């Protein structure tokens, strides 16, 4: 008799566990999911291969990159670059971030420039679930040099080409800060 009451108790406990698992599974499946609202902010990068349209003519090896920035069909001495180098093409700065056997990764921001205008590209993507008017601020060594408001639709992307004046020689930190709290920056050597 005691054995059958113990078996009934075990059966009842197992039955409660199965019912609990089923109830929890149904609850999880029926509960609407809340998408987390956020904003993407990043510096613009472009991948290019030998057949790409990034430049008129490009060739690269493991240690050097040849870019026809003069647009004359040949590679001159001033068109040979290495990883980490910055050059200007069509009045925009390009930084060589990485080189592989099949492609090269360019950052659309400089790492080293002469004192004067500094241009770069950054991207904002809205995942807030509604249209948002972003206020972005650009700082040069913690000093605000530019601020603007832009409206971006939900799930839309906006590339922003910015130009600031790099007036001080030495190392500089260029920061892009959004009113939603996101921030991205890069370091620049100005000579």
N, C-alpha and C. Protein backbone atom coordinates (compact mmCIF):
# COMPACT_ATOMS: atom_id res chain seq x y z
N UNK A 1 0.82 -1.19 0.00
CA UNK A 1 0.00 0.00 0.00
C UNK A 1 0.87 1.26 0.00
N UNK A 2 1.91 1.23 0.80
CA UNK A 2 2.81 2.37 0.87
C UNK A 2 3.51 2.57 -0.47
N UNK A 3 3.85 1.47 -1.15
CA UNK A 3 4.53 1.54 -2.44
C UNK A 3 3.61 2.16 -3.49
N UNK A 4 2.36 1.82 -3.51
CA UNK A 4 1.44 2.37 -4.50
C UNK A 4 1.17 3.86 -4.23
N UNK A 5 1.16 4.28 -2.97
CA UNK A 5 0.97 5.71 -2.68
C UNK A 5 2.21 6.52 -3.05
N UNK A 6 3.40 5.90 -2.91
CA UNK A 6 4.63 6.56 -3.36
C UNK A 6 4.65 6.68 -4.88
N UNK A 7 4.22 5.63 -5.59
CA UNK A 7 4.15 5.67 -7.05
C UNK A 7 3.17 6.74 -7.51
N UNK A 8 2.03 6.86 -6.82
CA UNK A 8 1.03 7.87 -7.17
C UNK A 8 1.60 9.27 -6.94
N UNK A 9 2.38 9.45 -5.87
CA UNK A 9 3.00 10.74 -5.57
C UNK A 9 4.01 11.11 -6.66
N UNK A 10 4.88 10.14 -7.05
CA UNK A 10 5.86 10.37 -8.13
C UNK A 10 5.15 10.71 -9.44
N UNK A 11 4.09 9.96 -9.75
CA UNK A 11 3.34 10.21 -10.96
C UNK A 11 2.73 11.61 -10.94
N UNK A 12 2.20 12.03 -9.80
CA UNK A 12 1.61 13.35 -9.65
C UNK A 12 2.66 14.45 -9.82
N UNK A 13 3.85 14.26 -9.26
CA UNK A 13 4.95 15.24 -9.39
C UNK A 13 5.38 15.35 -10.85
N UNK A 14 5.54 14.22 -11.53
CA UNK A 14 5.93 14.22 -12.94
C UNK A 14 4.85 14.88 -13.78
N UNK A 15 3.59 14.59 -13.49
CA UNK A 15 2.49 15.21 -14.22
C UNK A 15 2.50 16.74 -14.04
N UNK A 16 2.74 17.21 -12.82
CA UNK A 16 2.81 18.65 -12.57
C UNK A 16 3.98 19.28 -13.34
N UNK A 17 5.12 18.60 -13.41
CA UNK A 17 6.28 19.11 -14.16
C UNK A 17 5.96 19.22 -15.65
N UNK A 18 5.32 18.20 -16.22
CA UNK A 18 4.96 18.21 -17.65
C UNK A 18 3.97 19.33 -17.92
N UNK A 19 2.96 19.49 -17.05
CA UNK A 19 1.98 20.56 -17.21
C UNK A 19 2.67 21.92 -17.13
N UNK A 20 3.61 22.06 -16.19
CA UNK A 20 4.36 23.32 -16.04
C UNK A 20 5.18 23.63 -17.29
N UNK A 21 5.83 22.63 -17.87
CA UNK A 21 6.63 22.82 -19.08
C UNK A 21 5.73 23.23 -20.24
N UNK A 22 4.60 22.58 -20.39
CA UNK A 22 3.67 22.92 -21.47
C UNK A 22 3.14 24.33 -21.28
N UNK A 23 2.74 24.68 -20.05
CA UNK A 23 2.22 26.01 -19.77
C UNK A 23 3.27 27.09 -20.06
N UNK A 24 4.51 26.86 -19.63
CA UNK A 24 5.60 27.81 -19.88
C UNK A 24 5.87 27.96 -21.37
N UNK A 25 5.87 26.85 -22.11
CA UNK A 25 6.10 26.90 -23.56
C UNK A 25 5.01 27.70 -24.27
N UNK A 26 3.77 27.47 -23.90
CA UNK A 26 2.66 28.21 -24.51
C UNK A 26 2.77 29.69 -24.16
N UNK A 27 3.10 30.00 -22.94
CA UNK A 27 3.25 31.38 -22.50
C UNK A 27 4.36 32.09 -23.29
N UNK A 28 5.47 31.41 -23.49
CA UNK A 28 6.59 31.99 -24.26
C UNK A 28 6.17 32.23 -25.70
N UNK A 29 5.49 31.26 -26.30
CA UNK A 29 5.09 31.40 -27.70
C UNK A 29 4.01 32.45 -27.91
N UNK A 30 3.13 32.64 -26.95
CA UNK A 30 2.01 33.58 -27.09
C UNK A 30 2.38 35.01 -26.70
N UNK A 31 3.43 35.21 -25.93
CA UNK A 31 3.82 36.54 -25.48
C UNK A 31 4.46 37.30 -26.63
N UNK A 32 3.97 38.48 -26.93
CA UNK A 32 4.58 39.25 -28.02
C UNK A 32 6.01 39.65 -27.65
N UNK A 33 6.89 39.57 -28.64
CA UNK A 33 8.29 39.91 -28.41
C UNK A 33 8.47 41.41 -28.51
N UNK A 34 9.24 41.93 -27.61
CA UNK A 34 9.57 43.35 -27.62
C UNK A 34 10.91 43.52 -28.31
N UNK A 35 10.89 44.22 -29.45
CA UNK A 35 12.15 44.50 -30.12
C UNK A 35 12.84 45.64 -29.38
N UNK A 36 14.13 45.46 -29.18
CA UNK A 36 14.89 46.49 -28.49
C UNK A 36 15.16 47.64 -29.46
N UNK A 37 14.83 48.82 -29.04
CA UNK A 37 15.07 50.00 -29.87
C UNK A 37 16.51 50.45 -29.69
N UNK A 38 17.19 50.71 -30.81
CA UNK A 38 18.58 51.16 -30.75
C UNK A 38 18.94 51.89 -32.03
N UNK A 39 20.08 52.51 -32.02
CA UNK A 39 20.61 53.23 -33.17
C UNK A 39 22.01 52.72 -33.47
N UNK A 40 22.32 52.52 -34.75
CA UNK A 40 23.67 52.17 -35.16
C UNK A 40 24.40 53.44 -35.58
N UNK A 41 25.64 53.56 -35.15
CA UNK A 41 26.50 54.66 -35.56
C UNK A 41 27.88 54.08 -35.81
N UNK A 42 28.41 54.29 -37.01
CA UNK A 42 29.74 53.77 -37.31
C UNK A 42 30.40 54.59 -38.41
N UNK A 43 31.73 54.51 -38.46
CA UNK A 43 32.48 55.14 -39.53
C UNK A 43 32.30 54.31 -40.79
N UNK A 44 32.31 54.95 -41.94
CA UNK A 44 32.08 54.27 -43.22
C UNK A 44 33.35 53.55 -43.68
N UNK A 45 33.17 52.29 -44.08
CA UNK A 45 34.25 51.49 -44.65
C UNK A 45 33.78 50.96 -46.00
N UNK A 46 34.71 50.74 -46.91
CA UNK A 46 34.40 50.15 -48.20
C UNK A 46 35.39 49.05 -48.50
N UNK A 47 34.88 47.90 -48.95
CA UNK A 47 35.73 46.81 -49.41
C UNK A 47 35.86 46.94 -50.91
N UNK A 48 37.08 46.82 -51.41
CA UNK A 48 37.31 46.89 -52.84
C UNK A 48 38.16 45.71 -53.26
N UNK A 49 37.87 45.17 -54.43
CA UNK A 49 38.74 44.15 -55.00
C UNK A 49 39.26 44.68 -56.33
N UNK A 50 40.05 43.88 -57.03
CA UNK A 50 40.68 44.35 -58.27
C UNK A 50 39.66 44.75 -59.33
N UNK A 51 38.48 44.17 -59.30
CA UNK A 51 37.46 44.46 -60.31
C UNK A 51 36.44 45.51 -59.84
N UNK A 52 36.68 46.10 -58.67
CA UNK A 52 35.68 47.01 -58.11
C UNK A 52 35.69 48.35 -58.84
N UNK A 53 34.67 49.12 -58.58
CA UNK A 53 34.56 50.45 -59.17
C UNK A 53 34.95 51.54 -58.16
N UNK A 54 35.59 51.16 -57.06
CA UNK A 54 36.01 52.16 -56.07
C UNK A 54 36.96 53.18 -56.70
N UNK A 55 37.88 52.68 -57.54
CA UNK A 55 38.88 53.52 -58.18
C UNK A 55 38.98 53.11 -59.64
N UNK A 56 39.52 54.00 -60.47
CA UNK A 56 39.68 53.70 -61.89
C UNK A 56 40.52 52.45 -62.08
N UNK A 57 41.63 52.37 -61.37
CA UNK A 57 42.53 51.22 -61.47
C UNK A 57 43.13 50.97 -60.10
N UNK A 58 43.13 49.71 -59.69
CA UNK A 58 43.69 49.35 -58.38
C UNK A 58 44.34 47.97 -58.49
N UNK A 59 45.48 47.84 -57.87
CA UNK A 59 46.14 46.55 -57.75
C UNK A 59 46.70 46.47 -56.34
N UNK A 60 46.75 45.29 -55.80
CA UNK A 60 47.32 45.19 -54.47
C UNK A 60 48.02 43.85 -54.29
N UNK A 61 49.03 43.95 -53.46
CA UNK A 61 49.81 42.79 -53.06
C UNK A 61 49.70 42.70 -51.56
N UNK A 62 50.41 41.77 -50.97
CA UNK A 62 50.31 41.60 -49.52
C UNK A 62 50.81 42.83 -48.77
N UNK A 63 51.87 43.48 -49.26
CA UNK A 63 52.48 44.58 -48.52
C UNK A 63 52.21 45.97 -49.07
N UNK A 64 51.67 46.06 -50.28
CA UNK A 64 51.45 47.40 -50.83
C UNK A 64 50.20 47.43 -51.71
N UNK A 65 49.69 48.66 -51.85
CA UNK A 65 48.47 48.89 -52.61
C UNK A 65 48.79 49.94 -53.67
N UNK A 66 48.42 49.67 -54.91
CA UNK A 66 48.63 50.62 -56.00
C UNK A 66 47.26 51.15 -56.42
N UNK A 67 47.08 52.46 -56.30
CA UNK A 67 45.80 53.09 -56.60
C UNK A 67 46.04 54.22 -57.59
N UNK A 68 45.36 54.17 -58.71
CA UNK A 68 45.51 55.20 -59.75
C UNK A 68 44.69 56.43 -59.36
N UNK A 69 45.18 57.18 -58.36
CA UNK A 69 44.44 58.36 -57.89
C UNK A 69 44.60 59.54 -58.85
N UNK A 70 45.63 59.50 -59.69
CA UNK A 70 45.82 60.56 -60.69
C UNK A 70 44.96 60.33 -61.92
N UNK A 71 44.34 59.15 -62.01
CA UNK A 71 43.41 58.79 -63.08
C UNK A 71 44.05 58.89 -64.47
N UNK A 72 45.34 58.43 -64.56
CA UNK A 72 46.03 58.49 -65.85
C UNK A 72 46.32 57.10 -66.42
N UNK A 73 45.83 56.05 -65.77
CA UNK A 73 45.98 54.69 -66.29
C UNK A 73 47.27 53.99 -65.91
N UNK A 74 48.19 54.69 -65.26
CA UNK A 74 49.44 54.08 -64.82
C UNK A 74 49.64 54.39 -63.34
N UNK A 75 50.49 53.59 -62.69
CA UNK A 75 50.77 53.81 -61.28
C UNK A 75 52.06 54.62 -61.13
N UNK A 76 51.96 55.83 -60.62
CA UNK A 76 53.11 56.67 -60.35
C UNK A 76 53.65 56.36 -58.96
N UNK A 77 54.83 56.90 -58.64
CA UNK A 77 55.45 56.65 -57.33
C UNK A 77 54.56 57.13 -56.18
N UNK A 78 53.81 58.21 -56.39
CA UNK A 78 52.95 58.72 -55.31
C UNK A 78 51.63 57.98 -55.20
N UNK A 79 51.49 56.88 -55.95
CA UNK A 79 50.27 56.07 -55.89
C UNK A 79 50.52 54.69 -55.31
N UNK A 80 51.62 54.54 -54.57
CA UNK A 80 51.96 53.28 -53.91
C UNK A 80 51.77 53.49 -52.41
N UNK A 81 50.93 52.67 -51.80
CA UNK A 81 50.57 52.84 -50.40
C UNK A 81 50.73 51.54 -49.63
N UNK A 82 50.76 51.66 -48.32
CA UNK A 82 50.82 50.50 -47.42
C UNK A 82 49.68 50.59 -46.42
N UNK A 83 49.41 49.49 -45.75
CA UNK A 83 48.37 49.45 -44.72
C UNK A 83 48.62 50.58 -43.72
N UNK A 84 47.57 51.33 -43.42
CA UNK A 84 47.66 52.44 -42.48
C UNK A 84 47.83 53.79 -43.16
N UNK A 85 48.17 53.80 -44.45
CA UNK A 85 48.35 55.06 -45.17
C UNK A 85 47.01 55.73 -45.48
N UNK A 86 47.05 57.05 -45.57
CA UNK A 86 45.89 57.84 -45.96
C UNK A 86 46.22 58.55 -47.26
N UNK A 87 45.24 58.60 -48.17
CA UNK A 87 45.40 59.37 -49.40
C UNK A 87 44.08 60.03 -49.74
N UNK A 88 44.14 61.00 -50.66
CA UNK A 88 42.95 61.71 -51.08
C UNK A 88 42.62 61.31 -52.52
N UNK A 89 41.35 60.99 -52.76
CA UNK A 89 40.88 60.63 -54.09
C UNK A 89 39.54 61.33 -54.30
N UNK A 90 39.44 62.13 -55.35
CA UNK A 90 38.24 62.93 -55.63
C UNK A 90 37.83 63.77 -54.43
N UNK A 91 38.82 64.38 -53.82
CA UNK A 91 38.65 65.28 -52.68
C UNK A 91 38.06 64.62 -51.43
N UNK A 92 38.18 63.30 -51.31
CA UNK A 92 37.75 62.58 -50.10
C UNK A 92 38.93 61.77 -49.59
N UNK A 93 39.07 61.70 -48.26
CA UNK A 93 40.14 60.91 -47.67
C UNK A 93 39.77 59.43 -47.61
N UNK A 94 40.76 58.58 -47.86
CA UNK A 94 40.65 57.14 -47.79
C UNK A 94 41.81 56.63 -46.93
N UNK A 95 41.54 55.75 -46.01
CA UNK A 95 42.55 55.17 -45.14
C UNK A 95 42.60 53.67 -45.41
N UNK A 96 43.78 53.13 -45.65
CA UNK A 96 43.92 51.69 -45.90
C UNK A 96 43.94 50.97 -44.56
N UNK A 97 42.87 50.26 -44.27
CA UNK A 97 42.70 49.59 -42.99
C UNK A 97 43.29 48.18 -43.02
N UNK A 98 43.01 47.43 -44.09
CA UNK A 98 43.47 46.04 -44.17
C UNK A 98 43.64 45.63 -45.63
N UNK A 99 44.62 44.77 -45.88
CA UNK A 99 44.90 44.27 -47.23
C UNK A 99 44.99 42.76 -47.17
N UNK A 100 44.27 42.08 -48.06
CA UNK A 100 44.37 40.62 -48.18
C UNK A 100 44.73 40.28 -49.62
N UNK A 101 44.76 39.00 -49.93
CA UNK A 101 45.09 38.57 -51.29
C UNK A 101 43.99 38.93 -52.29
N UNK A 102 42.77 39.07 -51.83
CA UNK A 102 41.66 39.28 -52.76
C UNK A 102 40.96 40.63 -52.64
N UNK A 103 41.15 41.34 -51.53
CA UNK A 103 40.46 42.61 -51.37
C UNK A 103 41.19 43.52 -50.40
N UNK A 104 40.76 44.76 -50.40
CA UNK A 104 41.32 45.76 -49.50
C UNK A 104 40.18 46.47 -48.80
N UNK A 105 40.38 46.82 -47.54
CA UNK A 105 39.36 47.52 -46.76
C UNK A 105 39.83 48.95 -46.53
N UNK A 106 39.01 49.90 -46.99
CA UNK A 106 39.30 51.31 -46.83
C UNK A 106 38.37 51.91 -45.80
N UNK A 107 38.90 52.76 -44.94
CA UNK A 107 38.09 53.58 -44.07
C UNK A 107 37.91 54.93 -44.74
N UNK A 108 36.71 55.48 -44.71
CA UNK A 108 36.46 56.77 -45.35
C UNK A 108 36.71 57.89 -44.34
N UNK A 109 37.92 57.86 -43.76
CA UNK A 109 38.37 58.88 -42.83
C UNK A 109 39.90 58.86 -42.86
N UNK A 110 40.55 59.97 -42.56
CA UNK A 110 42.01 59.99 -42.60
C UNK A 110 42.63 59.55 -41.28
N UNK A 111 43.87 59.13 -41.34
CA UNK A 111 44.65 58.84 -40.14
C UNK A 111 45.78 59.86 -39.99
N UNK A 112 46.16 60.48 -41.12
CA UNK A 112 47.25 61.45 -41.11
C UNK A 112 47.02 62.45 -42.23
N UNK A 113 47.02 63.74 -41.89
CA UNK A 113 46.81 64.78 -42.90
C UNK A 113 47.64 66.01 -42.57
N UNK A 114 47.77 66.87 -43.58
CA UNK A 114 48.33 68.19 -43.33
C UNK A 114 47.25 69.05 -42.72
N UNK A 115 47.66 70.06 -41.97
CA UNK A 115 46.71 70.96 -41.33
C UNK A 115 45.79 71.58 -42.39
N UNK A 116 44.51 71.59 -42.12
CA UNK A 116 43.53 72.13 -43.06
C UNK A 116 42.23 71.36 -42.95
N UNK A 117 41.53 71.22 -44.06
CA UNK A 117 40.23 70.54 -44.05
C UNK A 117 40.40 69.03 -43.87
N UNK A 118 39.55 68.47 -43.04
CA UNK A 118 39.53 67.03 -42.78
C UNK A 118 38.12 66.54 -43.08
N UNK A 119 38.00 65.61 -44.04
CA UNK A 119 36.67 65.07 -44.34
C UNK A 119 36.62 63.60 -44.00
N UNK A 120 35.42 63.14 -43.67
CA UNK A 120 35.20 61.75 -43.28
C UNK A 120 33.73 61.44 -43.47
N UNK A 121 33.40 60.15 -43.45
CA UNK A 121 32.02 59.71 -43.65
C UNK A 121 31.62 58.80 -42.50
N UNK A 122 30.44 59.04 -41.96
CA UNK A 122 29.89 58.15 -40.94
C UNK A 122 28.45 57.81 -41.29
N UNK A 123 27.94 56.76 -40.64
CA UNK A 123 26.63 56.21 -40.98
C UNK A 123 25.77 56.14 -39.71
N UNK A 124 24.50 56.53 -39.85
CA UNK A 124 23.51 56.39 -38.78
C UNK A 124 22.38 55.53 -39.32
N UNK A 125 22.00 54.48 -38.55
CA UNK A 125 20.86 53.65 -38.92
C UNK A 125 19.86 53.67 -37.76
N UNK A 126 18.62 53.99 -38.08
CA UNK A 126 17.56 54.11 -37.08
C UNK A 126 16.83 52.78 -36.90
N UNK A 127 16.91 52.22 -35.69
CA UNK A 127 16.16 51.02 -35.31
C UNK A 127 15.28 51.33 -34.08
N UNK A 128 14.78 52.56 -34.00
CA UNK A 128 14.02 52.97 -32.83
C UNK A 128 12.53 52.66 -32.94
N UNK A 129 12.09 52.16 -34.10
CA UNK A 129 10.68 51.81 -34.26
C UNK A 129 9.81 52.96 -34.73
N UNK A 130 10.40 54.12 -34.96
CA UNK A 130 9.66 55.28 -35.43
C UNK A 130 10.66 56.28 -36.01
N UNK A 131 10.15 57.28 -36.71
CA UNK A 131 11.00 58.36 -37.22
C UNK A 131 11.66 59.04 -36.04
N UNK A 132 12.93 59.37 -36.21
CA UNK A 132 13.63 60.08 -35.12
C UNK A 132 14.42 61.24 -35.69
N UNK A 133 14.37 62.36 -35.01
CA UNK A 133 15.19 63.50 -35.38
C UNK A 133 16.45 63.44 -34.51
N UNK A 134 17.55 63.07 -35.15
CA UNK A 134 18.82 62.94 -34.45
C UNK A 134 19.55 64.28 -34.40
N UNK A 135 20.16 64.55 -33.28
CA UNK A 135 21.07 65.67 -33.16
C UNK A 135 22.46 65.07 -33.03
N UNK A 136 23.30 65.30 -34.04
CA UNK A 136 24.67 64.78 -33.94
C UNK A 136 25.64 65.94 -33.76
N UNK A 137 26.69 65.66 -33.01
CA UNK A 137 27.71 66.65 -32.70
C UNK A 137 29.06 66.08 -33.09
N UNK A 138 29.88 66.90 -33.72
CA UNK A 138 31.24 66.51 -34.07
C UNK A 138 32.19 67.33 -33.19
N UNK A 139 33.09 66.62 -32.54
CA UNK A 139 34.06 67.29 -31.68
C UNK A 139 35.48 67.06 -32.22
N UNK A 140 36.30 68.09 -32.06
CA UNK A 140 37.72 68.04 -32.40
C UNK A 140 38.46 68.27 -31.09
N UNK A 141 39.12 67.24 -30.57
CA UNK A 141 39.79 67.32 -29.26
C UNK A 141 38.84 67.85 -28.18
N UNK A 142 37.66 67.25 -28.09
CA UNK A 142 36.64 67.56 -27.08
C UNK A 142 35.99 68.93 -27.25
N UNK A 143 36.34 69.67 -28.29
CA UNK A 143 35.70 70.95 -28.55
C UNK A 143 34.68 70.78 -29.67
N UNK A 144 33.45 71.22 -29.43
CA UNK A 144 32.39 71.09 -30.44
C UNK A 144 32.72 71.99 -31.62
N UNK A 145 32.76 71.37 -32.82
CA UNK A 145 33.05 72.14 -34.04
C UNK A 145 31.86 72.14 -35.00
N UNK A 146 30.91 71.23 -34.79
CA UNK A 146 29.75 71.18 -35.68
C UNK A 146 28.63 70.42 -34.98
N UNK A 147 27.40 70.88 -35.21
CA UNK A 147 26.23 70.20 -34.67
C UNK A 147 25.08 70.39 -35.66
N UNK A 148 24.31 69.34 -35.86
CA UNK A 148 23.20 69.41 -36.82
C UNK A 148 22.11 68.44 -36.42
N UNK A 149 20.86 68.76 -36.83
CA UNK A 149 19.72 67.86 -36.64
C UNK A 149 19.34 67.28 -37.98
N UNK A 150 19.09 65.97 -38.00
CA UNK A 150 18.62 65.30 -39.21
C UNK A 150 17.52 64.33 -38.82
N UNK A 151 16.58 64.13 -39.71
CA UNK A 151 15.48 63.21 -39.47
C UNK A 151 15.71 61.94 -40.29
N UNK A 152 15.58 60.79 -39.61
CA UNK A 152 15.77 59.50 -40.29
C UNK A 152 14.56 58.61 -40.00
N UNK A 153 13.98 58.06 -41.05
CA UNK A 153 12.85 57.14 -40.93
C UNK A 153 13.29 55.86 -40.22
N UNK A 154 12.33 55.13 -39.65
CA UNK A 154 12.62 53.85 -39.01
C UNK A 154 13.21 52.87 -40.02
N UNK A 155 14.24 52.15 -39.63
CA UNK A 155 14.94 51.15 -40.44
C UNK A 155 15.61 51.75 -41.67
N UNK A 156 15.84 53.06 -41.67
CA UNK A 156 16.54 53.72 -42.77
C UNK A 156 17.97 54.05 -42.34
N UNK A 157 18.83 54.18 -43.34
CA UNK A 157 20.25 54.47 -43.13
C UNK A 157 20.59 55.78 -43.80
N UNK A 158 21.43 56.57 -43.13
CA UNK A 158 21.90 57.82 -43.73
C UNK A 158 23.42 57.89 -43.60
N UNK A 159 24.09 58.09 -44.75
CA UNK A 159 25.54 58.33 -44.77
C UNK A 159 25.75 59.83 -44.75
N UNK A 160 26.63 60.27 -43.87
CA UNK A 160 26.88 61.70 -43.73
C UNK A 160 28.35 61.97 -44.04
N UNK A 161 28.58 62.81 -45.05
CA UNK A 161 29.92 63.27 -45.38
C UNK A 161 30.15 64.56 -44.62
N UNK A 162 31.14 64.54 -43.73
CA UNK A 162 31.42 65.71 -42.90
C UNK A 162 32.79 66.27 -43.22
N UNK A 163 32.92 67.56 -43.06
CA UNK A 163 34.21 68.24 -43.22
C UNK A 163 34.39 69.21 -42.07
N UNK A 164 35.56 69.13 -41.42
CA UNK A 164 35.89 70.04 -40.33
C UNK A 164 37.28 70.60 -40.60
N UNK A 165 37.66 71.59 -39.84
CA UNK A 165 38.98 72.19 -39.97
C UNK A 165 39.89 71.59 -38.91
N UNK A 166 40.96 70.94 -39.35
CA UNK A 166 41.99 70.40 -38.44
C UNK A 166 43.03 71.50 -38.29
N UNK A 167 42.89 72.29 -37.26
CA UNK A 167 43.68 73.51 -37.13
C UNK A 167 44.94 73.35 -36.29
N UNK A 168 44.98 72.36 -35.43
CA UNK A 168 46.12 72.19 -34.54
C UNK A 168 46.98 71.02 -35.01
N UNK A 169 48.30 71.18 -34.97
CA UNK A 169 49.18 70.07 -35.32
C UNK A 169 49.29 69.12 -34.11
N UNK A 170 49.64 67.88 -34.40
CA UNK A 170 49.75 66.87 -33.35
C UNK A 170 48.63 65.86 -33.47
N UNK A 171 48.42 65.10 -32.40
CA UNK A 171 47.34 64.11 -32.40
C UNK A 171 46.01 64.75 -32.06
N UNK A 172 44.97 64.31 -32.74
CA UNK A 172 43.64 64.85 -32.50
C UNK A 172 42.64 63.70 -32.44
N UNK A 173 41.66 63.86 -31.58
CA UNK A 173 40.57 62.89 -31.49
C UNK A 173 39.33 63.54 -32.11
N UNK A 174 38.80 62.88 -33.15
CA UNK A 174 37.60 63.35 -33.81
C UNK A 174 36.46 62.45 -33.34
N UNK A 175 35.44 63.04 -32.71
CA UNK A 175 34.32 62.27 -32.15
C UNK A 175 33.01 62.68 -32.83
N UNK A 176 32.16 61.67 -33.05
CA UNK A 176 30.79 61.91 -33.51
C UNK A 176 29.89 61.38 -32.41
N UNK A 177 29.01 62.23 -31.91
CA UNK A 177 28.17 61.87 -30.77
C UNK A 177 26.71 62.14 -31.14
N UNK A 178 25.85 61.16 -30.86
CA UNK A 178 24.41 61.32 -31.11
C UNK A 178 23.69 61.66 -29.82
N UNK A 179 22.53 62.30 -29.95
CA UNK A 179 21.70 62.62 -28.78
C UNK A 179 21.15 61.37 -28.11
N UNK A 180 21.20 60.22 -28.80
CA UNK A 180 20.71 58.97 -28.22
C UNK A 180 21.79 58.25 -27.40
N UNK A 181 22.99 58.83 -27.34
CA UNK A 181 24.05 58.29 -26.50
C UNK A 181 25.17 57.57 -27.25
N UNK A 182 24.97 57.24 -28.51
CA UNK A 182 26.00 56.54 -29.27
C UNK A 182 27.14 57.51 -29.59
N UNK A 183 28.36 56.95 -29.64
CA UNK A 183 29.53 57.75 -29.97
C UNK A 183 30.53 56.88 -30.71
N UNK A 184 31.19 57.48 -31.69
CA UNK A 184 32.27 56.82 -32.41
C UNK A 184 33.36 57.87 -32.62
N UNK A 185 34.61 57.43 -32.65
CA UNK A 185 35.70 58.39 -32.84
C UNK A 185 36.85 57.74 -33.60
N UNK A 186 37.75 58.59 -34.08
CA UNK A 186 39.00 58.12 -34.67
C UNK A 186 40.10 59.11 -34.30
N UNK A 187 41.34 58.61 -34.33
CA UNK A 187 42.49 59.44 -34.01
C UNK A 187 43.14 59.89 -35.31
N UNK A 188 43.63 61.11 -35.29
CA UNK A 188 44.17 61.75 -36.47
C UNK A 188 45.50 62.42 -36.09
N UNK A 189 46.50 62.25 -36.96
CA UNK A 189 47.76 62.98 -36.75
C UNK A 189 47.80 64.10 -37.78
N UNK A 190 47.91 65.32 -37.27
CA UNK A 190 47.91 66.52 -38.11
C UNK A 190 49.32 67.10 -38.09
N UNK A 191 49.88 67.35 -39.27
CA UNK A 191 51.24 67.95 -39.33
C UNK A 191 51.25 69.19 -40.19
